[in-house]
N, C-alpha and C. Protein backbone atom coordinates (compact mmCIF):
# COMPACT_ATOMS: atom_id res chain seq x y z
N MET A 1 -41.92 80.22 -11.24
CA MET A 1 -41.37 78.88 -11.15
C MET A 1 -42.37 77.97 -10.48
N GLU A 2 -42.55 76.80 -11.02
CA GLU A 2 -43.44 75.83 -10.42
C GLU A 2 -42.87 75.32 -9.11
N GLY A 3 -43.74 75.12 -8.15
CA GLY A 3 -43.33 74.52 -6.90
C GLY A 3 -42.62 75.46 -5.94
N VAL A 4 -42.44 76.71 -6.32
CA VAL A 4 -41.78 77.67 -5.44
C VAL A 4 -42.84 78.64 -4.95
N SER A 5 -43.11 78.63 -3.66
CA SER A 5 -44.13 79.53 -3.13
C SER A 5 -43.54 80.93 -3.00
N ARG A 6 -44.35 81.90 -3.22
CA ARG A 6 -43.92 83.29 -3.18
C ARG A 6 -44.41 83.92 -1.89
N PRO A 7 -43.49 84.43 -1.07
CA PRO A 7 -43.91 85.07 0.18
C PRO A 7 -44.60 86.39 -0.13
N PRO A 8 -45.45 86.85 0.77
CA PRO A 8 -46.10 88.14 0.54
C PRO A 8 -45.06 89.25 0.50
N SER A 9 -45.30 90.21 -0.36
CA SER A 9 -44.37 91.34 -0.48
C SER A 9 -44.64 92.30 0.66
N THR A 10 -43.70 92.37 1.60
CA THR A 10 -43.87 93.26 2.74
C THR A 10 -42.79 94.32 2.78
N LEU A 11 -41.99 94.43 1.73
CA LEU A 11 -40.91 95.41 1.75
C LEU A 11 -41.45 96.82 1.72
N VAL A 12 -40.90 97.66 2.58
CA VAL A 12 -41.33 99.05 2.62
C VAL A 12 -40.40 99.94 1.81
N ASP A 13 -39.29 99.43 1.41
CA ASP A 13 -38.31 100.22 0.68
C ASP A 13 -38.52 100.03 -0.82
N ASP A 14 -38.86 101.11 -1.53
CA ASP A 14 -39.13 101.03 -2.96
C ASP A 14 -37.94 100.51 -3.75
N HIS A 15 -36.74 100.94 -3.37
CA HIS A 15 -35.53 100.52 -4.10
C HIS A 15 -35.36 99.00 -4.01
N LEU A 16 -35.53 98.44 -2.82
CA LEU A 16 -35.43 96.99 -2.67
C LEU A 16 -36.54 96.29 -3.45
N SER A 17 -37.74 96.81 -3.42
CA SER A 17 -38.84 96.19 -4.16
C SER A 17 -38.55 96.14 -5.65
N ARG A 18 -38.01 97.24 -6.19
CA ARG A 18 -37.66 97.26 -7.62
C ARG A 18 -36.55 96.26 -7.92
N LEU A 19 -35.55 96.18 -7.03
CA LEU A 19 -34.46 95.24 -7.24
C LEU A 19 -34.99 93.81 -7.27
N PHE A 20 -35.86 93.47 -6.34
CA PHE A 20 -36.40 92.11 -6.31
C PHE A 20 -37.19 91.81 -7.58
N ALA A 21 -37.92 92.79 -8.09
CA ALA A 21 -38.67 92.59 -9.33
C ALA A 21 -37.71 92.30 -10.49
N VAL A 22 -36.61 93.04 -10.55
CA VAL A 22 -35.62 92.81 -11.61
C VAL A 22 -34.94 91.46 -11.43
N ALA A 23 -34.56 91.14 -10.19
CA ALA A 23 -33.86 89.88 -9.92
C ALA A 23 -34.71 88.68 -10.29
N GLU A 24 -36.02 88.78 -10.15
CA GLU A 24 -36.90 87.67 -10.51
C GLU A 24 -36.81 87.36 -12.01
N GLN A 25 -36.39 88.35 -12.80
CA GLN A 25 -36.29 88.17 -14.25
C GLN A 25 -34.89 87.74 -14.71
N GLN A 26 -33.92 87.78 -13.81
CA GLN A 26 -32.55 87.47 -14.20
C GLN A 26 -32.36 85.99 -14.48
N ASP A 27 -31.37 85.70 -15.31
CA ASP A 27 -31.09 84.31 -15.64
C ASP A 27 -29.69 83.90 -15.22
N LYS A 28 -29.05 84.66 -14.33
CA LYS A 28 -27.71 84.32 -13.86
C LYS A 28 -27.67 84.40 -12.35
N LEU A 29 -26.86 83.53 -11.77
CA LEU A 29 -26.75 83.45 -10.32
C LEU A 29 -26.11 84.69 -9.72
N PHE A 30 -25.37 85.50 -10.51
CA PHE A 30 -24.73 86.68 -9.95
C PHE A 30 -25.77 87.65 -9.38
N GLY A 31 -27.03 87.46 -9.71
CA GLY A 31 -28.09 88.30 -9.18
C GLY A 31 -28.16 88.29 -7.67
N ILE A 32 -27.72 87.23 -7.02
CA ILE A 32 -27.75 87.15 -5.57
C ILE A 32 -26.78 88.16 -4.97
N SER A 33 -25.60 88.28 -5.53
CA SER A 33 -24.64 89.27 -5.03
C SER A 33 -25.17 90.68 -5.21
N GLU A 34 -25.88 90.92 -6.30
CA GLU A 34 -26.48 92.23 -6.53
C GLU A 34 -27.58 92.51 -5.49
N ILE A 35 -28.35 91.50 -5.16
CA ILE A 35 -29.37 91.64 -4.11
C ILE A 35 -28.70 92.00 -2.79
N LEU A 36 -27.61 91.31 -2.46
CA LEU A 36 -26.90 91.59 -1.21
C LEU A 36 -26.33 93.00 -1.21
N ARG A 37 -25.84 93.46 -2.38
CA ARG A 37 -25.32 94.83 -2.49
C ARG A 37 -26.40 95.85 -2.16
N VAL A 38 -27.56 95.69 -2.75
CA VAL A 38 -28.63 96.66 -2.52
C VAL A 38 -29.12 96.61 -1.08
N ILE A 39 -29.21 95.42 -0.51
CA ILE A 39 -29.60 95.31 0.90
C ILE A 39 -28.58 96.04 1.77
N ALA A 40 -27.29 95.78 1.53
CA ALA A 40 -26.24 96.43 2.33
C ALA A 40 -26.32 97.95 2.18
N GLU A 41 -26.39 98.44 0.97
CA GLU A 41 -26.42 99.88 0.75
C GLU A 41 -27.69 100.51 1.31
N SER A 42 -28.83 99.83 1.20
CA SER A 42 -30.08 100.37 1.71
C SER A 42 -30.07 100.47 3.24
N LEU A 43 -29.27 99.64 3.87
CA LEU A 43 -29.19 99.64 5.33
C LEU A 43 -27.87 100.20 5.83
N ASN A 44 -27.24 101.06 5.02
CA ASN A 44 -26.01 101.76 5.41
C ASN A 44 -24.94 100.82 5.94
N SER A 45 -24.72 99.73 5.23
CA SER A 45 -23.73 98.74 5.64
C SER A 45 -22.71 98.57 4.53
N GLU A 46 -21.48 98.22 4.92
CA GLU A 46 -20.41 98.07 3.94
C GLU A 46 -20.26 96.64 3.44
N GLY A 47 -20.93 95.69 4.07
CA GLY A 47 -20.82 94.30 3.64
C GLY A 47 -22.06 93.50 3.98
N CYS A 48 -22.23 92.41 3.24
CA CYS A 48 -23.38 91.53 3.45
C CYS A 48 -22.98 90.12 3.01
N ILE A 49 -23.24 89.13 3.86
CA ILE A 49 -22.94 87.74 3.53
C ILE A 49 -24.20 86.90 3.70
N LEU A 50 -24.44 86.02 2.75
CA LEU A 50 -25.47 85.00 2.85
C LEU A 50 -24.77 83.70 3.25
N TRP A 51 -25.02 83.24 4.47
CA TRP A 51 -24.41 82.03 5.02
C TRP A 51 -25.37 80.86 4.86
N GLU A 52 -24.83 79.67 4.62
CA GLU A 52 -25.63 78.45 4.58
C GLU A 52 -25.00 77.43 5.51
N VAL A 53 -25.84 76.64 6.16
CA VAL A 53 -25.34 75.56 7.02
C VAL A 53 -24.82 74.45 6.12
N MET A 54 -23.62 73.97 6.44
CA MET A 54 -23.04 72.88 5.66
C MET A 54 -23.93 71.65 5.74
N PRO A 55 -24.13 71.01 4.60
CA PRO A 55 -24.94 69.79 4.63
C PRO A 55 -24.20 68.68 5.37
N GLY A 56 -24.94 67.74 5.85
CA GLY A 56 -24.32 66.62 6.54
C GLY A 56 -25.25 66.02 7.56
N ARG A 57 -24.76 65.02 8.16
CA ARG A 57 -25.52 64.34 9.21
C ARG A 57 -25.14 64.93 10.56
N GLY A 58 -25.90 64.57 11.53
CA GLY A 58 -25.59 65.04 12.87
C GLY A 58 -26.42 66.25 13.24
N ARG A 59 -26.20 66.70 14.42
CA ARG A 59 -26.97 67.82 14.96
C ARG A 59 -26.59 69.13 14.31
N LEU A 60 -27.56 69.98 14.15
CA LEU A 60 -27.35 71.29 13.54
C LEU A 60 -26.28 72.08 14.29
N GLU A 61 -26.28 72.01 15.61
CA GLU A 61 -25.33 72.75 16.43
C GLU A 61 -23.88 72.37 16.16
N GLU A 62 -23.65 71.20 15.60
CA GLU A 62 -22.29 70.71 15.39
C GLU A 62 -21.75 71.01 14.00
N ARG A 63 -22.55 71.58 13.15
CA ARG A 63 -22.11 71.88 11.78
C ARG A 63 -21.47 73.26 11.71
N GLU A 64 -21.02 73.61 10.53
CA GLU A 64 -20.44 74.94 10.28
C GLU A 64 -21.27 75.67 9.24
N LEU A 65 -21.04 76.96 9.16
CA LEU A 65 -21.63 77.79 8.12
C LEU A 65 -20.58 78.04 7.04
N PHE A 66 -21.03 78.18 5.80
CA PHE A 66 -20.11 78.59 4.74
C PHE A 66 -20.74 79.74 3.95
N VAL A 67 -19.88 80.51 3.28
CA VAL A 67 -20.33 81.66 2.49
C VAL A 67 -20.97 81.16 1.21
N LEU A 68 -22.25 81.49 1.03
CA LEU A 68 -22.96 81.13 -0.18
C LEU A 68 -22.87 82.26 -1.21
N ALA A 69 -22.98 83.50 -0.74
CA ALA A 69 -22.85 84.67 -1.60
C ALA A 69 -22.45 85.84 -0.70
N GLU A 70 -21.87 86.86 -1.30
CA GLU A 70 -21.39 87.99 -0.50
C GLU A 70 -21.30 89.25 -1.33
N TYR A 71 -21.30 90.37 -0.62
CA TYR A 71 -21.02 91.67 -1.21
C TYR A 71 -20.22 92.46 -0.18
N PHE A 72 -19.14 93.09 -0.63
CA PHE A 72 -18.38 94.00 0.22
C PHE A 72 -18.04 95.23 -0.60
N GLN A 73 -18.24 96.40 -0.03
CA GLN A 73 -17.98 97.66 -0.69
C GLN A 73 -16.48 97.84 -0.90
N GLY A 74 -16.12 98.27 -2.08
CA GLY A 74 -14.72 98.56 -2.37
C GLY A 74 -13.84 97.32 -2.35
N ASP A 75 -12.60 97.53 -2.02
CA ASP A 75 -11.62 96.45 -1.98
C ASP A 75 -11.64 95.82 -0.59
N TRP A 76 -12.64 94.98 -0.36
CA TRP A 76 -12.85 94.43 0.97
C TRP A 76 -13.23 92.96 0.85
N PRO A 77 -12.35 92.14 0.29
CA PRO A 77 -12.70 90.71 0.12
C PRO A 77 -12.81 90.04 1.48
N PRO A 78 -13.58 88.97 1.58
CA PRO A 78 -13.76 88.30 2.87
C PRO A 78 -12.46 87.68 3.36
N GLY A 79 -12.32 87.61 4.66
CA GLY A 79 -11.12 87.04 5.25
C GLY A 79 -11.35 85.63 5.76
N TRP A 80 -12.51 85.07 5.51
CA TRP A 80 -12.83 83.73 5.99
C TRP A 80 -13.94 83.14 5.14
N GLN A 81 -14.10 81.84 5.18
CA GLN A 81 -15.14 81.17 4.41
C GLN A 81 -16.06 80.31 5.27
N HIS A 82 -15.67 80.03 6.50
CA HIS A 82 -16.46 79.16 7.38
C HIS A 82 -16.60 79.80 8.76
N LEU A 83 -17.73 79.55 9.40
CA LEU A 83 -17.96 79.98 10.78
C LEU A 83 -18.58 78.83 11.56
N ALA A 84 -18.34 78.81 12.84
CA ALA A 84 -18.96 77.83 13.72
C ALA A 84 -20.41 78.24 13.98
N MET A 85 -21.23 77.27 14.35
CA MET A 85 -22.62 77.57 14.67
C MET A 85 -22.75 78.42 15.94
N SER A 86 -21.68 78.51 16.71
CA SER A 86 -21.71 79.35 17.90
C SER A 86 -21.45 80.82 17.57
N SER A 87 -21.19 81.13 16.30
CA SER A 87 -21.02 82.51 15.86
C SER A 87 -22.36 83.24 15.90
N GLN A 88 -22.32 84.54 15.65
CA GLN A 88 -23.56 85.31 15.65
C GLN A 88 -24.54 84.81 14.60
N ALA A 89 -24.07 84.55 13.38
CA ALA A 89 -24.96 84.05 12.33
C ALA A 89 -25.50 82.67 12.70
N GLY A 90 -24.66 81.82 13.26
CA GLY A 90 -25.10 80.50 13.69
C GLY A 90 -26.12 80.58 14.81
N THR A 91 -25.91 81.48 15.74
CA THR A 91 -26.86 81.67 16.85
C THR A 91 -28.21 82.15 16.32
N ALA A 92 -28.20 83.04 15.33
CA ALA A 92 -29.45 83.49 14.72
C ALA A 92 -30.21 82.30 14.14
N ILE A 93 -29.50 81.39 13.49
CA ILE A 93 -30.13 80.20 12.92
C ILE A 93 -30.68 79.30 14.02
N LEU A 94 -29.85 79.01 15.01
CA LEU A 94 -30.25 78.09 16.08
C LEU A 94 -31.43 78.62 16.89
N LEU A 95 -31.45 79.93 17.17
CA LEU A 95 -32.53 80.51 17.97
C LEU A 95 -33.71 80.97 17.13
N ARG A 96 -33.51 81.01 15.79
CA ARG A 96 -34.54 81.46 14.85
C ARG A 96 -34.99 82.90 15.14
N GLN A 97 -34.00 83.73 15.48
CA GLN A 97 -34.30 85.14 15.72
C GLN A 97 -33.06 85.98 15.43
N PRO A 98 -33.27 87.27 15.12
CA PRO A 98 -32.13 88.14 14.80
C PRO A 98 -31.15 88.24 15.95
N GLN A 99 -29.89 88.41 15.59
CA GLN A 99 -28.81 88.64 16.56
C GLN A 99 -28.02 89.84 16.04
N TRP A 100 -27.65 90.75 16.94
CA TRP A 100 -26.84 91.87 16.50
C TRP A 100 -25.90 92.30 17.61
N ALA A 101 -24.81 92.91 17.19
CA ALA A 101 -23.81 93.43 18.11
C ALA A 101 -23.41 94.80 17.60
N ASN A 102 -23.62 95.81 18.42
CA ASN A 102 -23.29 97.17 18.01
C ASN A 102 -21.92 97.62 18.48
N ASP A 103 -21.21 96.78 19.18
CA ASP A 103 -19.82 97.01 19.54
C ASP A 103 -19.12 95.67 19.37
N LEU A 104 -18.92 95.31 18.12
CA LEU A 104 -18.48 93.97 17.76
C LEU A 104 -17.22 93.53 18.47
N MET A 105 -16.23 94.40 18.56
CA MET A 105 -14.96 93.98 19.12
C MET A 105 -14.99 93.83 20.64
N ALA A 106 -15.99 94.40 21.28
CA ALA A 106 -16.09 94.26 22.73
C ALA A 106 -16.80 92.96 23.12
N ILE A 107 -17.41 92.30 22.15
CA ILE A 107 -18.15 91.07 22.41
C ILE A 107 -17.28 89.88 22.03
N LYS A 108 -17.18 88.93 22.94
CA LYS A 108 -16.41 87.71 22.66
C LYS A 108 -17.24 86.85 21.71
N MET A 109 -16.79 86.74 20.46
CA MET A 109 -17.51 85.95 19.47
C MET A 109 -16.65 84.76 19.07
N ASP A 110 -17.30 83.73 18.66
CA ASP A 110 -16.60 82.53 18.22
C ASP A 110 -16.23 82.68 16.74
N LEU A 111 -15.21 83.51 16.50
CA LEU A 111 -14.72 83.75 15.15
C LEU A 111 -13.35 83.12 15.00
N PRO A 112 -13.06 82.59 13.82
CA PRO A 112 -11.68 82.16 13.59
C PRO A 112 -10.76 83.36 13.75
N GLU A 113 -9.54 83.13 14.19
CA GLU A 113 -8.60 84.23 14.42
C GLU A 113 -8.43 85.09 13.17
N ALA A 114 -8.38 84.47 11.99
CA ALA A 114 -8.23 85.23 10.75
C ALA A 114 -9.42 86.17 10.54
N ALA A 115 -10.63 85.72 10.86
CA ALA A 115 -11.82 86.55 10.70
C ALA A 115 -11.80 87.71 11.68
N ARG A 116 -11.44 87.44 12.93
CA ARG A 116 -11.39 88.49 13.94
C ARG A 116 -10.35 89.55 13.54
N ALA A 117 -9.17 89.13 13.13
CA ALA A 117 -8.12 90.06 12.71
C ALA A 117 -8.57 90.87 11.49
N TYR A 118 -9.23 90.20 10.56
CA TYR A 118 -9.72 90.84 9.35
C TYR A 118 -10.72 91.94 9.69
N MET A 119 -11.67 91.63 10.59
CA MET A 119 -12.70 92.59 10.97
C MET A 119 -12.11 93.74 11.80
N GLU A 120 -11.16 93.44 12.65
CA GLU A 120 -10.49 94.50 13.42
C GLU A 120 -9.73 95.43 12.49
N ALA A 121 -9.03 94.88 11.50
CA ALA A 121 -8.25 95.70 10.56
C ALA A 121 -9.15 96.63 9.75
N ARG A 122 -10.36 96.19 9.47
CA ARG A 122 -11.30 97.01 8.69
C ARG A 122 -12.22 97.84 9.56
N LYS A 123 -12.01 97.75 10.87
CA LYS A 123 -12.76 98.55 11.85
C LYS A 123 -14.26 98.32 11.79
N VAL A 124 -14.67 97.06 11.63
CA VAL A 124 -16.09 96.73 11.67
C VAL A 124 -16.62 97.09 13.05
N GLN A 125 -17.70 97.86 13.08
CA GLN A 125 -18.27 98.34 14.34
C GLN A 125 -19.53 97.58 14.75
N ALA A 126 -20.28 97.07 13.79
CA ALA A 126 -21.56 96.44 14.11
C ALA A 126 -21.87 95.34 13.10
N VAL A 127 -22.53 94.30 13.59
CA VAL A 127 -22.96 93.19 12.75
C VAL A 127 -24.39 92.82 13.14
N CYS A 128 -25.20 92.51 12.15
CA CYS A 128 -26.57 92.05 12.40
C CYS A 128 -26.81 90.81 11.53
N SER A 129 -27.32 89.74 12.13
CA SER A 129 -27.61 88.50 11.40
C SER A 129 -29.06 88.09 11.64
N VAL A 130 -29.73 87.69 10.56
CA VAL A 130 -31.09 87.18 10.68
C VAL A 130 -31.18 85.82 9.99
N PRO A 131 -31.98 84.91 10.56
CA PRO A 131 -32.10 83.57 9.98
C PRO A 131 -33.07 83.54 8.81
N LEU A 132 -32.90 82.54 7.95
CA LEU A 132 -33.85 82.26 6.87
C LEU A 132 -33.65 80.81 6.44
N ASN A 133 -34.58 80.32 5.63
CA ASN A 133 -34.47 78.96 5.08
C ASN A 133 -34.41 79.05 3.56
N LEU A 134 -33.50 78.31 2.96
CA LEU A 134 -33.37 78.27 1.52
C LEU A 134 -34.05 77.02 0.98
N ARG A 135 -33.72 76.65 -0.24
CA ARG A 135 -34.32 75.50 -0.91
C ARG A 135 -34.39 74.28 0.01
N GLY A 136 -35.51 73.62 0.00
CA GLY A 136 -35.67 72.40 0.78
C GLY A 136 -35.52 72.60 2.27
N GLY A 137 -35.72 73.81 2.76
CA GLY A 137 -35.63 74.07 4.19
C GLY A 137 -34.22 74.16 4.73
N VAL A 138 -33.21 74.33 3.85
CA VAL A 138 -31.83 74.45 4.30
C VAL A 138 -31.67 75.72 5.13
N ALA A 139 -31.13 75.57 6.33
CA ALA A 139 -30.96 76.69 7.24
C ALA A 139 -29.87 77.63 6.72
N ALA A 140 -30.12 78.93 6.85
CA ALA A 140 -29.18 79.95 6.38
C ALA A 140 -29.36 81.21 7.21
N ALA A 141 -28.48 82.18 7.00
CA ALA A 141 -28.59 83.48 7.65
C ALA A 141 -28.00 84.53 6.72
N ILE A 142 -28.45 85.75 6.88
CA ILE A 142 -27.86 86.88 6.17
C ILE A 142 -27.28 87.80 7.24
N SER A 143 -26.05 88.26 7.01
CA SER A 143 -25.36 89.13 7.97
C SER A 143 -24.95 90.43 7.30
N LEU A 144 -25.19 91.54 7.99
CA LEU A 144 -24.75 92.86 7.54
C LEU A 144 -23.59 93.31 8.40
N TYR A 145 -22.63 94.03 7.79
CA TYR A 145 -21.43 94.51 8.47
C TYR A 145 -21.33 96.01 8.28
N ARG A 146 -21.21 96.75 9.40
CA ARG A 146 -21.10 98.21 9.35
C ARG A 146 -19.75 98.66 9.87
N VAL A 147 -19.20 99.65 9.17
CA VAL A 147 -17.96 100.28 9.59
C VAL A 147 -18.25 101.67 10.14
N SER A 148 -19.08 102.43 9.45
CA SER A 148 -19.21 103.84 9.81
C SER A 148 -20.63 104.32 10.08
N ALA A 149 -21.63 103.55 9.85
CA ALA A 149 -23.01 104.04 9.95
C ALA A 149 -23.58 104.02 11.36
N GLY A 150 -22.82 103.57 12.32
CA GLY A 150 -23.31 103.53 13.68
C GLY A 150 -24.06 102.24 13.99
N PRO A 151 -24.66 102.19 15.17
CA PRO A 151 -25.31 100.95 15.61
C PRO A 151 -26.57 100.62 14.81
N PHE A 152 -26.93 99.35 14.82
CA PHE A 152 -28.19 98.92 14.22
C PHE A 152 -29.33 99.33 15.14
N GLN A 153 -30.38 99.88 14.55
CA GLN A 153 -31.58 100.28 15.28
C GLN A 153 -32.69 99.26 14.97
N SER A 154 -33.75 99.29 15.74
CA SER A 154 -34.84 98.32 15.53
C SER A 154 -35.43 98.42 14.14
N GLU A 155 -35.50 99.63 13.56
CA GLU A 155 -36.06 99.74 12.20
C GLU A 155 -35.12 99.13 11.16
N ASP A 156 -33.80 99.16 11.39
CA ASP A 156 -32.85 98.49 10.50
C ASP A 156 -33.08 96.98 10.52
N ILE A 157 -33.27 96.45 11.70
CA ILE A 157 -33.48 95.01 11.85
C ILE A 157 -34.80 94.61 11.21
N ASP A 158 -35.84 95.41 11.37
CA ASP A 158 -37.13 95.14 10.73
C ASP A 158 -36.99 95.11 9.21
N ARG A 159 -36.25 96.08 8.66
CA ARG A 159 -36.05 96.12 7.19
C ARG A 159 -35.24 94.92 6.71
N LEU A 160 -34.23 94.51 7.49
CA LEU A 160 -33.44 93.34 7.11
C LEU A 160 -34.32 92.08 7.17
N LEU A 161 -35.17 91.97 8.15
CA LEU A 161 -36.09 90.83 8.23
C LEU A 161 -37.03 90.80 7.02
N GLN A 162 -37.51 91.97 6.60
CA GLN A 162 -38.38 92.04 5.43
C GLN A 162 -37.64 91.60 4.17
N ALA A 163 -36.41 92.06 4.01
CA ALA A 163 -35.61 91.67 2.85
C ALA A 163 -35.30 90.18 2.90
N ALA A 164 -34.92 89.68 4.07
CA ALA A 164 -34.58 88.26 4.23
C ALA A 164 -35.75 87.36 3.91
N ALA A 165 -36.97 87.83 4.12
CA ALA A 165 -38.15 87.02 3.82
C ALA A 165 -38.28 86.76 2.32
N ARG A 166 -37.70 87.62 1.49
CA ARG A 166 -37.78 87.46 0.03
C ARG A 166 -36.61 86.68 -0.55
N ILE A 167 -35.51 86.60 0.16
CA ILE A 167 -34.31 85.96 -0.38
C ILE A 167 -34.53 84.50 -0.77
N PRO A 168 -35.19 83.67 0.03
CA PRO A 168 -35.35 82.27 -0.38
C PRO A 168 -36.07 82.12 -1.73
N TYR A 169 -37.12 82.89 -1.94
CA TYR A 169 -37.84 82.81 -3.20
C TYR A 169 -36.94 83.22 -4.37
N LEU A 170 -36.23 84.34 -4.22
CA LEU A 170 -35.35 84.81 -5.29
C LEU A 170 -34.20 83.84 -5.53
N TYR A 171 -33.60 83.35 -4.45
CA TYR A 171 -32.50 82.40 -4.57
C TYR A 171 -32.97 81.14 -5.31
N ASN A 172 -34.10 80.60 -4.91
CA ASN A 172 -34.62 79.40 -5.56
C ASN A 172 -34.94 79.65 -7.02
N SER A 173 -35.51 80.82 -7.34
CA SER A 173 -35.81 81.17 -8.72
C SER A 173 -34.54 81.24 -9.56
N LEU A 174 -33.51 81.90 -9.02
CA LEU A 174 -32.25 82.02 -9.76
C LEU A 174 -31.58 80.67 -9.94
N VAL A 175 -31.57 79.84 -8.90
CA VAL A 175 -30.97 78.52 -9.00
C VAL A 175 -31.70 77.67 -10.03
N ASN A 176 -33.03 77.74 -10.05
CA ASN A 176 -33.81 76.97 -11.02
C ASN A 176 -33.55 77.44 -12.44
N GLN A 177 -33.34 78.75 -12.64
CA GLN A 177 -33.07 79.27 -13.98
C GLN A 177 -31.69 78.87 -14.46
N VAL A 178 -30.72 78.89 -13.58
CA VAL A 178 -29.35 78.54 -13.94
C VAL A 178 -29.19 77.03 -14.07
N GLY A 179 -29.84 76.36 -13.13
CA GLY A 179 -29.62 74.99 -12.90
C GLY A 179 -29.94 73.87 -13.68
């Protein structure tokens, strides 16, 4: 695609590298959910959400995040569509660094009551969010949700950062093809 810079390929996981190569050739936006599925499965997670900051005027801290794309294993539809910037994903965006919680329910998070109840009912144990920028520098984050795989380790976070570095290019390519 013209005008879309391609980040260096730093992925260490062959499966993710192959998926990104295939996704670059896709002509439908559903490819983003497939990318999220492979990222989640590669990192032993049951869910993955790509969050975007709502457009608008005013300070970034005062906006909300909305679900741009998602993947959840099995019958696990999302229980919410918006988060405050004070949430874990929002904090990752504001601080421009990964945020994770390996005992999610013990940490006081700024989640809507429906989201907290939803995550408690599904026994989410850990969440990891990393920031990224989409088209035109739009702030975003990707979050992984674990039920049974245990806490996030530093190598999990490194792999998520590597995958997140490729998402803007793939997202922009898919949007340009559909768009």
